[in-house]
Amino acid sequence: MQIERLDSPAQFLTATSNYRGLDPIRTNVLGSVATSVAQDARQYDEYWWWIVLNNAGDVVGAAIRTAPFGLQLGPMSEDAIPALVAAVARADPNFPWIMGRESLAELFVAQYRAFSTRRLRRGRKSLLYEIGDLVIPEVEGSYRRATVDDLELVAQWTDDFHYFIDGVVREPDERDRAFLLERIASGSMKLWCRGPVIVAMAGHANPVATPSGLVTRVGPVFTPAENRGRGYGSAITAALSAELLGSGSRVMLYANAENATSNGVYQRLGYRLLDDVIQFDLVTSE
C-alpha cells in the first residue's frame, strides 16, 4: 500500500470520487468536510488530505484532518493501516484524536503506540444510521428555515448541542460564526415552532455528490431541556429528512451510542443502523 498526501480539497475530492462512490455513506464525512473547504464555506487552521493507493494505483482508502480537529478515517482494509499510521506520525505528530470505524480505529491506535508516548483514551462511540422508510410523527407545530434574525439563538443552541454531546465548553470564533451564517444563508438550518416560539433545531451538512448519487448528513439536532419529551426533535428530524429525500439525496446521521433516547427516536422514524465509529483521544503524558 502507498500513502499519498494531497495539496488541496479539490484534488482530494477528484482523487477519491470512485472510492467514495463505492461507499458513499461511510465516506460522507470526508466528502462533506472537503466540499465545505473547497467551496470556501469553512476554514480551519491547517489541512491534511491522505489517500491510500493499492499496487494498481487505485484509491482504496482515505483520511483527513482539519486542525484543530482530529483525524477522520475512511473505510479501508486493515493492511493499509501500518503505512497510514507511519505517514500520519511523520507529517502530523500532534493530532488530538482519531475517529473511524471501531475495528480500524482500534488497529490504528495499537500501531500508533510505536510512534508516540502519548496516552490513548477511549472516547465517544457513535452509531451510523441511514433512513429507510421514513415515518412522519404527528406533532403539533410547524417547520421553517432559520433566518439571519435567528442567528443568536441558532449559535447558542449549536454551542449547547456540542456541550451536550462532548461535555466540553467550546469557544466559537469568527470562523465558526461565518460558517453558521453560511449555513443559514444556504437554508441548511431548520427550526420547529409552536406558534411564534422556536422549540427545536436541526441542520444538515453540504450534500456530497458521488458517482452513486447524493448523500446528505443530518446534524446537529437539538431540543433544549425545557422542550424535551414532546416530540419536537422527532418532528423536525422527520421534516428535514423528508425534505432531503425529496431533493433526491440519501440521508444519514450519527447518534451518540450511549444516548438511548435519541437512538430510539431515529429508529422509530425509520433510520436503519449501519455501523459504529469510535473516537480515541490522545493525551500528552505528564
Protein backbone atom coordinates (compact mmCIF):
# COMPACT_ATOMS: atom_id res chain seq x y z
CA MET A 1 0.00 0.00 0.00
CA GLN A 2 1.16 3.53 -0.81
CA ILE A 3 0.12 6.65 1.09
CA GLU A 4 -0.04 9.99 -0.70
CA ARG A 5 -0.75 13.37 0.85
CA LEU A 6 -2.61 15.74 -1.46
CA ASP A 7 -2.31 19.51 -1.53
CA SER A 8 -5.93 20.61 -1.73
CA PRO A 9 -9.50 19.52 -1.02
CA ALA A 10 -10.29 19.78 -4.73
CA GLN A 11 -7.54 17.26 -5.50
CA PHE A 12 -8.82 15.05 -2.71
CA LEU A 13 -12.40 15.12 -3.98
CA THR A 14 -11.29 14.27 -7.52
CA ALA A 15 -8.89 11.52 -6.47
CA THR A 16 -11.42 9.88 -4.13
CA SER A 17 -14.50 10.17 -6.34
CA ASN A 18 -14.73 6.49 -7.30
CA TYR A 19 -13.65 5.35 -3.83
CA ARG A 20 -16.36 7.45 -2.19
CA GLY A 21 -18.90 6.27 -4.72
CA LEU A 22 -18.37 2.67 -3.62
CA ASP A 23 -19.37 3.53 -0.03
CA PRO A 24 -20.97 7.00 -0.05
CA ILE A 25 -22.41 6.71 3.46
CA ARG A 26 -19.24 5.73 5.34
CA THR A 27 -17.15 8.24 3.36
CA ASN A 28 -19.64 11.08 3.74
CA VAL A 29 -17.78 12.98 6.45
CA LEU A 30 -14.62 13.00 4.32
CA GLY A 31 -16.56 14.30 1.34
CA SER A 32 -18.63 16.90 3.19
CA VAL A 33 -15.65 18.39 5.00
CA ALA A 34 -13.58 18.54 1.82
CA THR A 35 -16.51 20.06 -0.08
CA SER A 36 -17.01 22.78 2.55
CA VAL A 37 -13.32 23.72 2.44
CA ALA A 38 -13.16 23.58 -1.36
CA GLN A 39 -16.16 25.93 -1.58
CA ASP A 40 -14.64 28.34 1.00
CA ALA A 41 -17.62 27.70 3.26
CA ARG A 42 -15.37 26.59 6.12
CA GLN A 43 -11.80 27.44 7.15
CA TYR A 44 -9.50 25.63 9.56
CA ASP A 45 -6.01 26.16 10.96
CA GLU A 46 -4.29 23.57 8.75
CA TYR A 47 -5.19 20.66 6.46
CA TRP A 48 -4.08 17.11 5.75
CA TRP A 49 -5.62 15.07 2.91
CA TRP A 50 -4.35 11.50 2.64
CA ILE A 51 -5.23 8.77 0.15
CA VAL A 52 -4.32 5.08 0.22
CA LEU A 53 -3.34 3.53 -3.12
CA ASN A 54 -3.09 -0.17 -3.93
CA ASN A 55 -0.45 -1.68 -6.24
CA ALA A 56 -2.60 -0.86 -9.27
CA GLY A 57 -2.77 2.80 -8.28
CA ASP A 58 -6.43 2.72 -7.27
CA VAL A 59 -7.60 4.72 -4.24
CA VAL A 60 -8.72 2.19 -1.63
CA GLY A 61 -8.70 4.33 1.50
CA ALA A 62 -8.52 7.90 2.76
CA ALA A 63 -8.11 10.01 5.86
CA ILE A 64 -8.32 13.72 6.59
CA ARG A 65 -7.54 16.16 9.33
CA THR A 66 -8.65 19.77 9.66
CA ALA A 67 -6.89 21.37 12.63
CA PRO A 68 -7.75 21.96 15.42
CA PHE A 69 -9.92 18.86 15.00
CA GLY A 70 -8.70 15.29 14.86
CA LEU A 71 -8.06 12.59 12.28
CA GLN A 72 -11.01 11.07 10.39
CA LEU A 73 -10.52 7.61 8.92
CA GLY A 74 -12.45 6.46 5.88
CA PRO A 75 -13.12 2.79 5.16
CA MET A 76 -10.10 0.74 4.10
CA SER A 77 -8.63 -2.72 4.52
CA GLU A 78 -6.68 -3.46 7.66
CA ASP A 79 -3.43 -4.00 5.72
CA ALA A 80 -3.46 -0.29 4.81
CA ILE A 81 -3.26 0.83 8.43
CA PRO A 82 0.51 0.36 9.13
CA ALA A 83 1.54 2.57 6.21
CA LEU A 84 -1.08 5.19 7.06
CA VAL A 85 -0.02 5.27 10.72
CA ALA A 86 3.59 5.86 9.71
CA ALA A 87 2.62 8.65 7.29
CA VAL A 88 0.42 10.38 9.85
CA ALA A 89 3.04 10.07 12.60
CA ARG A 90 5.65 11.71 10.38
CA ALA A 91 3.51 14.51 8.98
CA ASP A 92 1.16 15.28 11.86
CA PRO A 93 2.53 14.14 15.25
CA ASN A 94 0.14 16.31 17.29
CA PHE A 95 -3.33 15.26 16.11
CA PRO A 96 -5.60 15.33 19.19
CA TRP A 97 -7.88 12.40 18.40
CA ILE A 98 -8.74 9.79 15.81
CA MET A 99 -12.20 8.72 14.73
CA GLY A 100 -13.27 5.88 12.48
CA ARG A 101 -14.93 2.51 12.25
CA GLU A 102 -14.26 0.81 15.57
CA SER A 103 -12.14 -2.06 14.25
CA LEU A 104 -9.97 0.25 12.12
CA ALA A 105 -9.57 2.88 14.82
CA GLU A 106 -8.52 0.26 17.37
CA LEU A 107 -5.95 -1.15 14.95
CA PHE A 108 -4.67 2.35 14.18
CA VAL A 109 -4.10 3.25 17.83
CA ALA A 110 -2.45 -0.10 18.51
CA GLN A 111 0.04 0.58 15.70
CA TYR A 112 0.47 4.21 16.72
CA ARG A 113 1.91 3.25 20.13
CA ALA A 114 5.21 2.54 18.35
CA PHE A 115 5.45 6.20 17.26
CA SER A 116 4.30 8.16 20.30
CA THR A 117 4.42 8.18 24.09
CA ARG A 118 1.05 9.91 24.30
CA ARG A 119 -1.62 8.06 26.23
CA LEU A 120 -4.69 6.82 24.39
CA ARG A 121 -8.09 7.29 25.95
CA ARG A 122 -11.23 5.69 24.59
CA GLY A 123 -13.74 8.41 23.78
CA ARG A 124 -17.24 8.73 22.37
CA LYS A 125 -18.80 5.94 20.35
CA SER A 126 -21.33 6.90 17.70
CA LEU A 127 -23.80 4.89 15.64
CA LEU A 128 -24.23 5.46 11.92
CA TYR A 129 -27.77 5.42 10.51
CA GLU A 130 -29.37 5.80 7.08
CA ILE A 131 -33.06 6.50 6.59
CA GLY A 132 -35.13 3.64 5.16
CA ASP A 133 -38.90 4.03 5.10
CA LEU A 134 -39.49 7.39 6.74
CA VAL A 135 -42.23 7.59 9.37
CA ILE A 136 -43.66 11.09 9.92
CA PRO A 137 -44.89 11.58 13.51
CA GLU A 138 -47.89 13.73 14.31
CA VAL A 139 -46.52 16.56 16.44
CA GLU A 140 -48.01 19.99 16.94
CA GLY A 141 -46.01 22.77 15.37
CA SER A 142 -44.54 23.97 12.09
CA TYR A 143 -41.27 23.67 10.20
CA ARG A 144 -39.34 26.54 8.67
CA ARG A 145 -35.91 27.71 7.59
CA ALA A 146 -33.79 29.64 10.04
CA THR A 147 -33.06 33.23 9.01
CA VAL A 148 -30.40 35.74 9.97
CA ASP A 149 -32.83 37.03 12.61
CA ASP A 150 -32.46 33.63 14.33
CA LEU A 151 -28.65 33.74 14.33
CA GLU A 152 -28.09 34.30 18.04
CA LEU A 153 -30.46 31.51 19.06
CA VAL A 154 -29.04 29.11 16.48
CA ALA A 155 -25.49 29.96 17.61
CA GLN A 156 -26.36 29.37 21.27
CA TRP A 157 -28.14 26.10 20.55
CA THR A 158 -25.23 24.94 18.39
CA ASP A 159 -22.87 25.53 21.32
CA ASP A 160 -25.35 23.80 23.65
CA PHE A 161 -25.50 20.83 21.28
CA HIS A 162 -21.73 20.38 21.31
CA TYR A 163 -21.66 20.65 25.09
CA PHE A 164 -24.48 18.09 25.36
CA ILE A 165 -22.57 15.70 23.08
CA ASP A 166 -18.99 16.22 24.28
CA GLY A 167 -19.34 17.76 27.74
CA VAL A 168 -16.83 20.42 26.70
CA VAL A 169 -17.48 24.16 26.56
CA ARG A 170 -16.43 25.38 23.12
CA GLU A 171 -15.27 28.92 22.44
CA PRO A 172 -16.54 29.65 18.94
CA ASP A 173 -14.51 32.12 16.90
CA GLU A 174 -15.28 34.33 13.92
CA ARG A 175 -14.80 31.43 11.51
CA ASP A 176 -17.46 29.44 13.36
CA ARG A 177 -19.82 32.39 13.17
CA ALA A 178 -19.13 32.87 9.47
CA PHE A 179 -19.78 29.17 8.84
CA LEU A 180 -23.05 29.34 10.74
CA LEU A 181 -24.11 32.39 8.73
CA GLU A 182 -23.31 30.48 5.55
CA ARG A 183 -25.39 27.54 6.73
CA ILE A 184 -28.32 29.83 7.47
CA ALA A 185 -27.97 31.57 4.11
CA SER A 186 -27.88 28.23 2.27
CA GLY A 187 -31.04 27.05 4.03
CA SER A 188 -29.40 24.16 5.84
CA MET A 189 -30.54 25.19 9.35
CA LYS A 190 -34.19 24.49 10.21
CA LEU A 191 -36.46 25.26 13.13
CA TRP A 192 -39.58 23.70 14.66
CA CYS A 193 -42.00 26.24 16.11
CA ARG A 194 -45.06 26.23 18.33
CA GLY A 195 -46.72 29.42 17.14
CA PRO A 196 -44.07 32.13 17.43
CA VAL A 197 -41.93 30.11 19.86
CA ILE A 198 -38.94 28.15 18.49
CA VAL A 199 -38.74 24.81 20.28
CA ALA A 200 -36.19 22.72 18.34
CA MET A 201 -33.46 23.00 15.72
CA ALA A 202 -31.92 20.72 13.10
CA GLY A 203 -29.38 21.21 10.35
CA HIS A 204 -27.57 19.31 7.66
CA ALA A 205 -24.11 19.28 6.10
CA ASN A 206 -23.44 20.05 2.45
CA PRO A 207 -24.88 17.38 0.14
CA VAL A 208 -22.00 15.28 -1.18
CA ALA A 209 -22.01 14.19 -4.80
CA THR A 210 -20.56 10.77 -5.64
CA PRO A 211 -20.77 8.57 -8.74
CA SER A 212 -23.53 6.62 -6.97
CA GLY A 213 -25.59 9.68 -6.06
CA LEU A 214 -26.04 12.39 -3.45
CA VAL A 215 -25.72 11.81 0.29
CA THR A 216 -26.61 14.36 2.96
CA ARG A 217 -25.80 14.09 6.66
CA VAL A 218 -28.34 15.41 9.17
CA GLY A 219 -26.96 17.24 12.20
CA PRO A 220 -26.96 18.93 14.58
CA VAL A 221 -30.36 18.07 16.03
CA PHE A 222 -31.08 19.89 19.29
CA THR A 223 -34.03 20.44 21.59
CA PRO A 224 -33.39 22.48 24.76
CA ALA A 225 -34.11 20.69 28.03
CA GLU A 226 -37.32 22.60 28.74
CA ASN A 227 -38.84 21.44 25.43
CA ARG A 228 -37.86 17.77 25.50
CA GLY A 229 -40.30 14.91 25.77
CA ARG A 230 -42.88 16.48 23.48
CA GLY A 231 -41.75 15.01 20.15
CA TYR A 232 -40.24 18.18 18.71
CA GLY A 233 -36.89 16.54 17.96
CA SER A 234 -38.67 13.71 16.16
CA ALA A 235 -40.81 16.16 14.21
CA ILE A 236 -38.00 18.34 12.95
CA THR A 237 -35.76 15.38 12.11
CA ALA A 238 -38.58 13.79 10.12
CA ALA A 239 -39.41 17.05 8.32
CA LEU A 240 -35.78 17.66 7.40
CA SER A 241 -35.29 14.04 6.31
CA ALA A 242 -38.38 14.26 4.09
CA GLU A 243 -37.09 17.47 2.51
CA LEU A 244 -33.69 15.94 1.75
CA LEU A 245 -35.20 12.74 0.39
CA GLY A 246 -37.40 14.88 -1.83
CA SER A 247 -34.29 16.52 -3.28
CA GLY A 248 -33.05 13.12 -4.44
CA SER A 249 -30.46 12.58 -1.71
CA ARG A 250 -29.83 9.61 0.52
CA VAL A 251 -30.00 10.74 4.14
CA MET A 252 -27.81 9.67 7.06
CA LEU A 253 -26.88 10.76 10.56
CA TYR A 254 -24.75 9.86 13.56
CA ALA A 255 -26.07 9.36 17.10
CA ASN A 256 -24.26 9.00 20.41
CA ALA A 257 -24.28 5.27 21.18
CA GLU A 258 -24.91 5.99 24.87
CA ASN A 259 -28.00 8.14 24.27
CA ALA A 260 -30.82 5.62 24.24
CA THR A 261 -33.44 8.34 23.79
CA SER A 262 -32.06 9.77 20.55
CA ASN A 263 -31.32 6.32 19.14
CA GLY A 264 -34.89 5.27 19.87
CA VAL A 265 -36.22 8.40 18.16
CA TYR A 266 -34.20 7.81 15.00
CA GLN A 267 -35.10 4.14 14.81
CA ARG A 268 -38.83 4.90 15.17
CA LEU A 269 -38.53 7.40 12.32
CA GLY A 270 -37.18 4.66 10.08
CA TYR A 271 -33.42 5.12 10.38
CA ARG A 272 -31.52 1.84 9.95
CA LEU A 273 -28.33 1.14 11.90
CA LEU A 274 -25.39 0.57 9.54
CA ASP A 275 -22.20 0.78 11.56
CA ASP A 276 -20.41 2.28 14.51
CA VAL A 277 -17.49 4.68 14.83
CA ILE A 278 -15.35 5.44 17.83
CA GLN A 279 -13.09 8.28 18.89
CA PHE A 280 -9.77 7.79 20.67
CA ASP A 281 -8.28 10.85 22.36
CA LEU A 282 -4.53 11.26 22.60
CA VAL A 283 -3.27 12.81 25.80
CA THR A 284 0.27 14.02 26.49
CA SER A 285 1.80 12.02 29.31
CA GLU A 286 2.87 14.04 32.33
